[in-house]
Amino acid sequence: MPEISEPAPTEHIAPVSLPRIAINFCTQCKWMLRAAYFAQELLSTFSTSLGEVSLIPSTGGVFTVDIIYAPSRPADETTDTGAAEVKTQTRRLWDRKSEGGFPGRYIVHYERLYPAATRSSPCNSPFQKEVTDVQNCRYSSP
């Protein structure tokens, strides 16, 4: 009869590169592409300043961006074994629920078409025909 081996441990110790960005996204809401886009933008913007960016699938309408980092501390702090112990902190950078949702497509495109300097003047952009239906090619303050 073959020997029965013990079950594998549920916790694994693996090296983690810090700072780490963790993007939790809802798979039921089909937000994987949006999460991948966030990750791509972060990696393009911050390049080698980031240790890693992870995509974490979840459910329940969740879309959060967290940063896990090691706060700076004196170099002479060590544990009793002689190895430096790394304590991490987590900070929520963005949460879809607390922000009230994602920015609307209309708002993002409108801001791109009309920078702040040209909002009070008539529109002379090549997009005039597309925008005329929206607000007569002028920005009006509420």
Protein backbone atom coordinates (compact mmCIF):
# COMPACT_ATOMS: atom_id res chain seq x y z
CA MET A 1 0.00 0.00 0.00
CA PRO A 2 1.46 3.40 -0.98
CA GLU A 3 2.20 5.89 1.74
CA ILE A 4 -0.22 8.75 2.17
CA SER A 5 1.57 12.04 1.96
CA GLU A 6 0.65 15.02 4.08
CA PRO A 7 -1.41 17.74 2.41
CA ALA A 8 0.50 20.61 0.93
CA PRO A 9 0.70 23.72 3.10
CA THR A 10 -1.85 26.39 2.29
CA GLU A 11 0.58 29.25 2.78
CA HIS A 12 3.61 29.70 0.58
CA ILE A 13 6.42 32.10 1.16
CA ALA A 14 7.39 33.75 -2.09
CA PRO A 15 9.41 36.84 -2.81
CA VAL A 16 7.34 39.93 -3.48
CA SER A 17 8.70 42.96 -5.29
CA LEU A 18 7.67 46.22 -3.66
CA PRO A 19 5.93 48.52 -4.23
CA ARG A 20 3.17 46.25 -5.43
CA ILE A 21 -0.04 47.47 -7.07
CA ALA A 22 -3.03 45.16 -6.61
CA ILE A 23 -6.04 45.73 -8.87
CA ASN A 24 -9.15 43.86 -7.67
CA PHE A 25 -11.86 43.66 -10.32
CA CYS A 26 -15.26 42.02 -10.69
CA THR A 27 -15.32 39.28 -13.31
CA GLN A 28 -19.13 39.23 -13.38
CA CYS A 29 -19.12 42.91 -14.37
CA LYS A 30 -16.69 42.16 -17.23
CA TRP A 31 -14.07 44.59 -15.90
CA MET A 32 -11.01 42.50 -16.76
CA LEU A 33 -10.14 44.64 -19.79
CA ARG A 34 -10.47 47.82 -17.72
CA ALA A 35 -8.20 46.33 -15.03
CA ALA A 36 -5.64 45.31 -17.65
CA TYR A 37 -5.76 48.83 -19.08
CA PHE A 38 -5.14 50.33 -15.61
CA ALA A 39 -2.18 47.95 -15.17
CA GLN A 40 -0.76 48.86 -18.59
CA GLU A 41 -1.06 52.59 -17.88
CA LEU A 42 0.64 52.22 -14.49
CA LEU A 43 3.49 50.19 -15.97
CA SER A 44 3.90 52.63 -18.86
CA THR A 45 3.90 55.64 -16.56
CA PHE A 46 6.01 54.37 -13.66
CA SER A 47 8.10 51.75 -15.52
CA THR A 48 10.75 50.27 -13.22
CA SER A 49 9.62 52.26 -10.16
CA LEU A 50 6.97 49.60 -9.55
CA GLY A 51 7.93 46.19 -8.23
CA GLU A 52 4.88 44.46 -9.67
CA VAL A 53 1.29 44.99 -10.74
CA SER A 54 -1.21 42.21 -10.08
CA LEU A 55 -4.73 41.63 -11.34
CA ILE A 56 -6.96 39.92 -8.78
CA PRO A 57 -10.30 38.60 -10.05
CA SER A 58 -13.23 38.83 -7.62
CA THR A 59 -17.00 39.29 -7.64
CA GLY A 60 -19.56 41.67 -6.16
CA GLY A 61 -18.95 44.78 -8.25
CA VAL A 62 -15.49 45.37 -6.79
CA PHE A 63 -12.91 47.53 -8.54
CA THR A 64 -10.15 48.75 -6.26
CA VAL A 65 -6.53 49.76 -6.70
CA ASP A 66 -4.25 49.24 -3.69
CA ILE A 67 -0.54 49.80 -3.18
CA ILE A 68 1.46 47.55 -0.89
CA TYR A 69 4.76 49.09 0.16
CA ALA A 70 7.45 48.90 2.81
CA PRO A 71 7.73 52.14 4.75
CA SER A 72 11.25 53.42 5.20
CA ARG A 73 12.94 52.41 8.44
CA PRO A 74 16.47 52.42 9.86
CA ALA A 75 18.80 49.91 8.21
CA ASP A 76 20.07 48.55 11.54
CA GLU A 77 16.67 47.08 12.56
CA THR A 78 16.93 43.29 12.45
CA THR A 79 15.08 40.39 14.01
CA ASP A 80 16.60 38.00 16.53
CA THR A 81 17.61 35.67 13.67
CA GLY A 82 19.71 38.39 12.10
CA ALA A 83 17.53 38.77 9.02
CA ALA A 84 15.74 42.03 8.39
CA GLU A 85 11.99 41.63 8.69
CA VAL A 86 9.97 43.52 6.12
CA LYS A 87 6.69 44.95 7.36
CA THR A 88 4.37 46.14 4.64
CA GLN A 89 1.57 48.65 4.63
CA THR A 90 -1.40 48.76 2.29
CA ARG A 91 -3.07 51.94 1.09
CA ARG A 92 -6.20 52.15 -1.03
CA LEU A 93 -5.51 54.40 -4.02
CA TRP A 94 -8.88 54.16 -5.72
CA ASP A 95 -12.25 52.49 -5.09
CA ARG A 96 -15.06 52.52 -7.62
CA LYS A 97 -17.76 52.44 -4.93
CA SER A 98 -16.41 55.37 -2.93
CA GLU A 99 -15.73 57.41 -6.09
CA GLY A 100 -19.28 56.88 -7.32
CA GLY A 101 -18.37 54.81 -10.38
CA PHE A 102 -16.04 55.22 -13.29
CA PRO A 103 -15.78 58.54 -15.14
CA GLY A 104 -18.42 58.77 -17.84
CA ARG A 105 -17.36 58.43 -21.45
CA TYR A 106 -19.00 61.74 -22.38
CA ILE A 107 -17.19 63.65 -19.64
CA VAL A 108 -13.77 62.24 -20.55
CA HIS A 109 -14.18 62.93 -24.27
CA TYR A 110 -15.70 66.38 -23.70
CA GLU A 111 -12.76 67.44 -21.53
CA ARG A 112 -10.35 66.21 -24.19
CA LEU A 113 -12.13 68.14 -26.95
CA TYR A 114 -12.45 71.35 -24.94
CA PRO A 115 -9.44 72.23 -22.82
CA ALA A 116 -10.02 74.84 -20.10
CA ALA A 117 -8.56 77.69 -22.19
CA THR A 118 -11.15 77.37 -24.97
CA ARG A 119 -14.31 76.74 -22.98
CA SER A 120 -15.64 80.30 -23.19
CA SER A 121 -14.92 80.73 -26.90
CA PRO A 122 -16.76 79.21 -29.87
CA CYS A 123 -15.52 75.85 -30.97
CA ASN A 124 -13.14 75.87 -33.91
CA SER A 125 -12.04 72.27 -33.63
CA PRO A 126 -12.21 69.66 -36.39
CA PHE A 127 -14.74 67.86 -34.18
CA GLN A 128 -17.23 70.72 -34.46
CA LYS A 129 -19.79 68.72 -36.43
CA GLU A 130 -19.80 65.92 -33.82
CA VAL A 131 -20.10 68.26 -30.86
CA THR A 132 -22.66 70.68 -32.28
CA ASP A 133 -25.44 68.31 -31.30
CA VAL A 134 -24.18 68.17 -27.71
CA GLN A 135 -24.13 71.82 -26.62
CA ASN A 136 -24.08 73.99 -29.71
CA CYS A 137 -20.26 73.86 -29.64
CA ARG A 138 -20.02 76.02 -26.50
CA TYR A 139 -19.32 75.18 -22.90
CA SER A 140 -21.94 76.49 -20.51
CA SER A 141 -21.33 76.66 -16.78
CA PRO A 142 -24.04 75.20 -14.52
